[in-house]
């Protein structure tokens, strides 16, 4: 029996254990482009996501390419059109084109105008765009304009010039969200953070050196590493002209709370945070904070949770951009196979944090606590 099963797999015959057959049953669009399948009784071949009535397994054969299926005597399905680009591929190209259009426009185009350009209804376009990018068209445009403002300010342009060059049609609209986009006033950002006060302290914990920094709004950085000087340089690079102040006795109490969070991440100590990032990063970081201690999600699962199932790579980038170790628990995100992929502060630290949380979770269960 084992020999015949291997022969069937090699010949491309569908079997219940074959993951390709599972993809056909699920009509998995993610498998489109990896293979096609033919149906002996109809004489056609289809992509895995074909919505046609499912064939019986014994009548199905798998082929690596459309050409292979046609050489075997099958014709392409008229419903799923396997020789044409898949719907996901067409949507990806369309979204990429719309993103370039938004970036080149002096003013943000209306949803109706963008949808008309894409050839979709406004509702359908909005849903497709958000699924592909993780943000709405307006949020994408706002994030792009924020980057243009930052770039202009870094080049030494005046605040007014940077605002209008970025496409804001009024300074009032910009100032409504300026501090959220820049983390400080525009003038302070233009001056490299001049006059902005950032208190910080560097200490030691069981995971090595730890730097804690706080603005007037809350903790803006929690960094882990092996070299205290390197952590200080990283903070200085973020605020080259800011007024960095060594922590006093009151600040040391805040540092102690942060160290407590590192030593016992399962406790979930609440800290006042100053979280700075794009709209998409904010969504990812908010979702990270909702993952219970002792639990993990894959990047793909997290992407689905924020309503952007095709944005796993962007989710990974947002995790890598997180500056608040443990407080925003990006260590709870793992690879699809459960492996510990990259972590800004080292995979060994990630492994140890997860071990501590799992241990705390078992202890709570044993004691009857939640």
Protein backbone atom coordinates (compact mmCIF):
# COMPACT_ATOMS: atom_id res chain seq x y z
CA UNK A 1 0.00 0.00 0.00
CA UNK A 2 2.79 2.42 0.83
CA UNK A 3 4.40 1.83 -2.54
CA UNK A 4 1.18 2.51 -4.46
CA UNK A 5 0.60 5.72 -2.46
CA UNK A 6 4.02 7.00 -3.43
CA UNK A 7 3.37 6.10 -7.05
CA UNK A 8 0.05 7.96 -6.98
CA UNK A 9 1.69 11.05 -5.55
CA UNK A 10 4.40 11.01 -8.22
CA UNK A 11 1.82 10.61 -10.96
CA UNK A 12 -0.13 13.60 -9.70
CA UNK A 13 -3.21 11.65 -8.61
CA UNK A 14 -5.29 13.25 -5.85
CA UNK A 15 -5.11 11.57 -2.45
CA UNK A 16 -6.61 12.62 0.86
CA UNK A 17 -3.15 13.14 2.37
CA UNK A 18 -1.95 15.35 -0.46
CA UNK A 19 -1.87 19.03 0.66
CA UNK A 20 -2.78 20.00 -2.89
CA UNK A 21 -6.10 18.20 -2.55
CA UNK A 22 -6.72 20.03 0.73
CA UNK A 23 -6.07 23.31 -1.11
CA UNK A 24 -8.62 22.34 -3.80
CA UNK A 25 -11.23 21.42 -1.19
CA UNK A 26 -10.67 24.76 0.57
CA UNK A 27 -10.57 26.66 -2.74
CA UNK A 28 -7.39 28.23 -1.40
CA UNK A 29 -6.46 31.32 -3.42
CA UNK A 30 -3.03 31.24 -1.81
CA UNK A 31 -2.28 28.07 -3.77
CA UNK A 32 -3.08 29.66 -7.14
CA UNK A 33 0.04 29.66 -9.29
CA UNK A 34 1.61 26.72 -7.46
CA UNK A 35 -0.19 24.05 -9.49
CA UNK A 36 -3.35 23.32 -11.49
CA UNK A 37 -5.62 20.31 -11.39
CA UNK A 38 -7.47 18.49 -14.16
CA UNK A 39 -10.74 16.60 -14.03
CA UNK A 40 -10.87 13.44 -16.14
CA UNK A 41 -14.66 13.44 -16.52
CA UNK A 42 -14.91 17.01 -17.86
CA UNK A 43 -11.64 17.28 -19.77
CA UNK A 44 -10.78 20.68 -18.22
CA UNK A 45 -8.12 21.92 -15.83
CA UNK A 46 -8.56 24.57 -13.13
CA UNK A 47 -6.68 26.69 -10.62
CA UNK A 48 -7.00 25.54 -6.95
CA UNK A 49 -9.48 28.31 -6.08
CA UNK A 50 -11.91 27.49 -8.89
CA UNK A 51 -15.50 27.92 -7.63
CA UNK A 52 -16.84 25.18 -9.91
CA UNK A 53 -18.51 22.11 -8.45
CA UNK A 54 -15.91 19.96 -6.71
CA UNK A 55 -14.86 16.83 -8.58
CA UNK A 56 -14.38 13.40 -7.04
CA UNK A 57 -10.81 12.77 -5.93
CA UNK A 58 -10.37 9.72 -8.13
CA UNK A 59 -11.03 11.87 -11.23
CA UNK A 60 -8.52 14.58 -10.29
CA UNK A 61 -4.90 14.84 -11.41
CA UNK A 62 -2.38 17.53 -10.47
CA UNK A 63 -0.05 19.34 -12.89
CA UNK A 64 2.80 21.73 -12.18
CA UNK A 65 1.87 24.14 -14.99
CA UNK A 66 -0.89 24.90 -17.46
CA UNK A 67 1.36 23.63 -20.23
CA UNK A 68 1.67 20.24 -18.49
CA UNK A 69 -2.11 19.98 -18.21
CA UNK A 70 -2.60 20.86 -21.88
CA UNK A 71 0.03 18.37 -22.98
CA UNK A 72 -2.00 15.77 -21.10
CA UNK A 73 -5.01 16.66 -23.26
CA UNK A 74 -6.97 19.04 -20.98
CA UNK A 75 -8.36 22.48 -21.86
CA UNK A 76 -8.49 25.53 -19.53
CA UNK A 77 -11.60 26.08 -17.42
CA UNK A 78 -13.73 28.96 -18.72
CA UNK A 79 -14.82 29.89 -15.22
CA UNK A 80 -11.54 30.32 -13.32
CA UNK A 81 -9.40 30.98 -16.46
CA UNK A 82 -6.18 29.42 -15.11
CA UNK A 83 -4.06 30.87 -17.94
CA UNK A 84 -4.89 34.42 -16.90
CA UNK A 85 -3.59 36.24 -13.83
CA UNK A 86 -5.44 35.26 -10.67
CA UNK A 87 -7.84 37.66 -9.01
CA UNK A 88 -5.33 38.19 -6.19
CA UNK A 89 -2.60 39.04 -8.70
CA UNK A 90 -4.87 41.47 -10.55
CA UNK A 91 -5.84 43.12 -7.28
CA UNK A 92 -2.18 43.39 -6.21
CA UNK A 93 -1.24 45.12 -9.48
CA UNK A 94 -4.26 47.42 -9.20
CA UNK A 95 -3.45 48.41 -5.61
CA UNK A 96 0.19 49.06 -6.53
CA UNK A 97 -0.96 51.37 -9.34
CA UNK A 98 -3.37 53.20 -7.03
CA UNK A 99 -0.63 53.66 -4.43
CA UNK A 100 1.60 55.28 -7.06
CA UNK A 101 -1.32 57.49 -8.09
CA UNK A 102 -1.89 58.60 -4.48
CA UNK A 103 1.81 59.31 -3.98
CA UNK A 104 2.01 61.43 -7.14
CA UNK A 105 -1.19 63.43 -6.46
CA UNK A 106 -0.92 66.93 -5.01
CA UNK A 107 -4.20 66.41 -3.17
CA UNK A 108 -5.70 63.18 -1.87
CA UNK A 109 -8.06 61.81 -4.57
CA UNK A 110 -11.58 60.98 -3.43
CA UNK A 111 -12.56 57.36 -2.78
CA UNK A 112 -14.96 57.55 -5.73
CA UNK A 113 -12.19 58.76 -8.09
CA UNK A 114 -9.80 56.01 -6.97
CA UNK A 115 -12.50 53.35 -7.28
CA UNK A 116 -13.36 54.55 -10.79
CA UNK A 117 -9.67 54.33 -11.74
CA UNK A 118 -9.60 50.76 -10.41
CA UNK A 119 -12.81 49.84 -12.22
CA UNK A 120 -14.55 48.79 -8.98
CA UNK A 121 -17.38 50.09 -6.83
CA UNK A 122 -16.22 52.34 -3.95
CA UNK A 123 -17.22 49.72 -1.37
CA UNK A 124 -15.43 46.85 -3.15
CA UNK A 125 -12.36 48.98 -3.89
CA UNK A 126 -12.11 50.12 -0.25
CA UNK A 127 -12.24 46.50 0.94
CA UNK A 128 -9.68 45.25 -1.61
CA UNK A 129 -7.26 48.12 -0.90
CA UNK A 130 -7.43 47.61 2.85
CA UNK A 131 -6.93 43.84 2.51
CA UNK A 132 -3.80 44.40 0.42
CA UNK A 133 -2.18 47.26 2.36
CA UNK A 134 -3.63 46.95 5.84
CA UNK A 135 -4.92 50.54 5.82
CA UNK A 136 -7.64 52.51 4.07
CA UNK A 137 -6.80 54.63 1.00
CA UNK A 138 -7.13 57.81 3.08
CA UNK A 139 -4.85 56.45 5.84
CA UNK A 140 -2.30 55.40 3.21
CA UNK A 141 -2.38 58.90 1.71
CA UNK A 142 -2.05 60.50 5.16
CA UNK A 143 0.95 58.30 6.01
CA UNK A 144 2.61 59.19 2.70
CA UNK A 145 2.06 62.90 3.31
CA UNK A 146 3.49 62.52 6.82
CA UNK A 147 6.66 61.00 5.34
CA UNK A 148 6.86 63.92 2.88
CA UNK A 149 6.54 66.42 5.72
CA UNK A 150 9.29 64.64 7.66
CA UNK A 151 11.53 64.59 4.60
CA UNK A 152 10.95 68.30 3.97
CA UNK A 153 11.66 69.24 7.57
CA UNK A 154 14.85 67.18 7.57
CA UNK A 155 16.02 69.03 4.45
CA UNK A 156 15.69 72.29 6.36
CA UNK A 157 12.56 73.63 4.69
CA UNK A 158 10.32 75.86 6.75
CA UNK A 159 7.34 74.24 8.47
CA UNK A 160 4.92 76.07 6.16
CA UNK A 161 6.78 74.97 3.02
CA UNK A 162 6.97 71.36 4.21
CA UNK A 163 3.25 71.32 4.99
CA UNK A 164 2.12 72.62 1.59
CA UNK A 165 4.74 70.66 -0.38
CA UNK A 166 3.36 67.49 1.21
CA UNK A 167 -0.11 68.26 -0.13
CA UNK A 168 -1.89 69.61 2.95
CA UNK A 169 -4.28 72.29 1.73
CA UNK A 170 -4.42 73.98 5.13
CA UNK A 171 -2.05 74.21 8.06
CA UNK A 172 -4.96 73.61 10.43
CA UNK A 173 -5.56 70.11 9.05
CA UNK A 174 -1.89 69.31 9.49
CA UNK A 175 -1.56 70.61 13.04
CA UNK A 176 -4.55 68.50 14.11
CA UNK A 177 -2.38 65.39 13.73
CA UNK A 178 1.14 66.84 13.76
CA UNK A 179 2.29 65.55 17.13
CA UNK A 180 0.89 62.08 16.44
CA UNK A 181 2.78 61.93 13.13
CA UNK A 182 6.04 63.47 14.33
CA UNK A 183 6.07 62.72 18.04
CA UNK A 184 6.73 66.41 18.79
CA UNK A 185 5.94 69.83 17.39
CA UNK A 186 6.94 70.41 13.75
CA UNK A 187 9.52 73.00 14.76
CA UNK A 188 11.11 70.62 17.27
CA UNK A 189 11.23 67.88 14.60
CA UNK A 190 12.82 70.30 12.11
CA UNK A 191 15.50 71.06 14.70
CA UNK A 192 16.20 67.41 15.36
CA UNK A 193 14.19 67.38 18.57
CA UNK A 194 15.76 70.55 19.97
CA UNK A 195 14.23 71.56 23.30
CA UNK A 196 12.31 68.28 23.53
CA UNK A 197 13.03 66.70 26.89
CA UNK A 198 13.59 62.96 27.02
CA UNK A 199 14.41 61.39 30.35
CA UNK A 200 16.27 58.10 30.29
CA UNK A 201 18.15 55.63 32.39
CA UNK A 202 20.19 52.53 31.62
CA UNK A 203 20.30 49.60 33.97
CA UNK A 204 20.69 45.85 34.05
CA UNK A 205 18.12 43.08 34.12
CA UNK A 206 18.21 39.33 33.66
CA UNK A 207 18.13 39.79 29.86
CA UNK A 208 21.14 42.13 29.78
CA UNK A 209 21.28 45.90 29.58
CA UNK A 210 18.02 47.84 29.42
CA UNK A 211 17.38 51.45 28.43
CA UNK A 212 14.13 53.14 29.38
CA UNK A 213 13.27 56.56 27.95
CA UNK A 214 10.23 58.71 28.52
CA UNK A 215 8.81 61.89 27.02
CA UNK A 216 6.23 64.10 28.64
CA UNK A 217 3.54 61.76 27.26
CA UNK A 218 4.94 58.48 28.53
CA UNK A 219 7.51 55.76 27.93
CA UNK A 220 8.77 56.17 24.35
CA UNK A 221 11.52 53.54 24.29
CA UNK A 222 12.38 50.28 26.02
CA UNK A 223 15.52 48.79 24.49
CA UNK A 224 17.40 45.61 25.35
CA UNK A 225 20.97 44.79 24.44
CA UNK A 226 24.43 43.75 25.53
CA UNK A 227 26.17 47.13 25.31
CA UNK A 228 24.83 50.07 27.39
CA UNK A 229 26.77 52.57 25.29
CA UNK A 230 25.22 51.22 22.08
CA UNK A 231 21.75 51.65 23.57
CA UNK A 232 22.54 55.25 24.50
CA UNK A 233 23.83 55.97 20.99
CA UNK A 234 20.66 54.53 19.47
CA UNK A 235 18.54 56.84 21.62
CA UNK A 236 20.73 59.83 20.75
CA UNK A 237 20.41 59.03 17.03
CA UNK A 238 16.65 59.23 17.33
CA UNK A 239 16.80 62.67 18.95
CA UNK A 240 20.09 64.23 17.81
CA UNK A 241 19.28 67.65 19.31
CA UNK A 242 16.90 66.68 22.10
CA UNK A 243 17.67 67.52 25.69
CA UNK A 244 18.44 64.08 27.15
CA UNK A 245 18.12 64.08 30.92
CA UNK A 246 19.34 61.39 33.25
CA UNK A 247 16.60 59.91 35.35
CA UNK A 248 16.00 61.16 38.90
CA UNK A 249 14.62 59.20 41.86
CA UNK A 250 11.06 59.45 40.56
CA UNK A 251 12.12 58.22 37.14
CA UNK A 252 13.96 55.30 38.73
CA UNK A 253 10.60 54.10 40.05
CA UNK A 254 9.30 53.99 36.48
CA UNK A 255 12.40 52.09 35.40
CA UNK A 256 11.79 49.59 38.20
CA UNK A 257 8.27 48.99 36.87
CA UNK A 258 9.65 48.39 33.38
CA UNK A 259 12.26 45.95 34.72
CA UNK A 260 9.47 44.19 36.59
CA UNK A 261 7.60 43.80 33.31
CA UNK A 262 10.69 42.23 31.72
CA UNK A 263 11.28 39.88 34.65
CA UNK A 264 7.62 38.80 34.77
CA UNK A 265 6.06 39.60 31.36
CA UNK A 266 2.96 37.61 32.23
CA UNK A 267 1.89 40.18 34.82
CA UNK A 268 1.00 42.75 32.18
CA UNK A 269 1.97 45.85 34.15
CA UNK A 270 0.24 48.94 32.72
CA UNK A 271 2.62 51.72 31.69
CA UNK A 272 1.93 55.18 30.25
CA UNK A 273 3.19 54.89 26.67
CA UNK A 274 4.15 57.42 24.01
CA UNK A 275 3.61 55.29 20.90
CA UNK A 276 4.77 56.83 17.62
CA UNK A 277 4.23 55.26 14.23
CA UNK A 278 2.22 55.15 11.03
CA UNK A 279 -1.48 54.29 11.02
CA UNK A 280 -0.70 50.72 9.97
CA UNK A 281 2.01 50.30 12.63
CA UNK A 282 -0.38 51.61 15.26
CA UNK A 283 -2.95 48.99 14.27
CA UNK A 284 -0.37 46.21 14.45
CA UNK A 285 0.95 47.37 17.81
CA UNK A 286 -2.55 47.64 19.23
CA UNK A 287 -3.26 44.07 18.09
CA UNK A 288 0.00 42.91 19.68
CA UNK A 289 -1.07 44.28 23.04
CA UNK A 290 -4.28 42.23 22.76
CA UNK A 291 -2.39 38.90 22.56
CA UNK A 292 -2.69 37.29 26.03
CA UNK A 293 0.54 36.47 27.91
CA UNK A 294 1.59 32.90 27.25
CA UNK A 295 -0.04 32.87 23.81
CA UNK A 296 1.45 33.38 20.35
CA UNK A 297 0.22 34.25 16.87
CA UNK A 298 1.86 33.87 13.49
CA UNK A 299 2.47 36.93 11.34
CA UNK A 300 -0.25 35.68 8.98
CA UNK A 301 -2.73 35.26 11.84
CA UNK A 302 -1.95 38.74 13.13
CA UNK A 303 -2.46 40.14 9.62
CA UNK A 304 -5.92 38.52 9.51
CA UNK A 305 -6.72 39.85 12.97
CA UNK A 306 -6.20 43.46 11.84
CA UNK A 307 -8.22 42.89 8.68
CA UNK A 308 -5.26 42.73 6.28
CA UNK A 309 -4.80 39.01 5.50
CA UNK A 310 -2.30 39.62 2.69
CA UNK A 311 -0.05 41.91 4.72
CA UNK A 312 2.00 39.39 6.72
CA UNK A 313 5.28 40.94 5.53
CA UNK A 314 4.12 44.44 6.44
CA UNK A 315 3.09 43.11 9.85
CA UNK A 316 6.59 41.67 10.33
CA UNK A 317 8.09 45.06 9.41
CA UNK A 318 5.84 46.81 11.95
CA UNK A 319 6.96 44.35 14.62
CA UNK A 320 10.61 45.06 13.75
CA UNK A 321 9.97 48.82 14.05
CA UNK A 322 8.60 48.50 17.60
CA UNK A 323 10.76 50.42 20.09
CA UNK A 324 8.91 49.34 23.21
CA UNK A 325 10.19 45.87 24.08
CA UNK A 326 7.76 43.75 26.12
CA UNK A 327 5.34 46.67 26.66
CA UNK A 328 4.26 46.11 23.05
CA UNK A 329 4.81 42.33 23.00
CA UNK A 330 6.12 41.65 19.49
CA UNK A 331 7.90 38.62 21.04
CA UNK A 332 4.51 36.86 20.96
CA UNK A 333 4.56 36.67 17.15
CA UNK A 334 6.16 33.58 15.61
CA UNK A 335 6.57 31.97 12.20
CA UNK A 336 3.74 29.94 10.69
CA UNK A 337 5.48 26.72 11.72
CA UNK A 338 5.88 27.98 15.29
CA UNK A 339 9.57 28.81 14.89
CA UNK A 340 11.10 31.85 16.56
CA UNK A 341 11.91 34.14 13.67
CA UNK A 342 13.76 37.44 13.96
CA UNK A 343 13.45 39.65 17.02
CA UNK A 344 14.85 43.16 17.27
CA UNK A 345 16.54 42.38 20.58
CA UNK A 346 17.72 38.84 19.77
CA UNK A 347 15.99 35.49 19.33
CA UNK A 348 17.39 34.17 22.65
CA UNK A 349 15.66 36.98 24.53
CA UNK A 350 12.46 36.21 22.65
CA UNK A 351 12.71 32.54 23.62
CA UNK A 352 13.29 33.44 27.27
CA UNK A 353 10.36 35.86 27.40
CA UNK A 354 8.03 33.24 25.93
CA UNK A 355 9.36 30.63 28.38
CA UNK A 356 8.66 32.91 31.32
CA UNK A 357 5.14 33.65 30.12
CA UNK A 358 4.40 29.96 29.54
CA UNK A 359 5.71 29.12 33.00
CA UNK A 360 3.59 31.83 34.59
CA UNK A 361 0.54 30.62 32.67
CA UNK A 362 1.05 27.04 33.93
CA UNK A 363 1.48 28.32 37.50
CA UNK A 364 -1.74 30.31 37.27
CA UNK A 365 -3.65 27.29 35.97
CA UNK A 366 -2.25 25.11 38.71
CA UNK A 367 -3.36 27.60 41.38
CA UNK A 368 -6.75 28.07 39.80
CA UNK A 369 -6.09 31.67 38.78
CA UNK A 370 -6.82 33.07 35.34
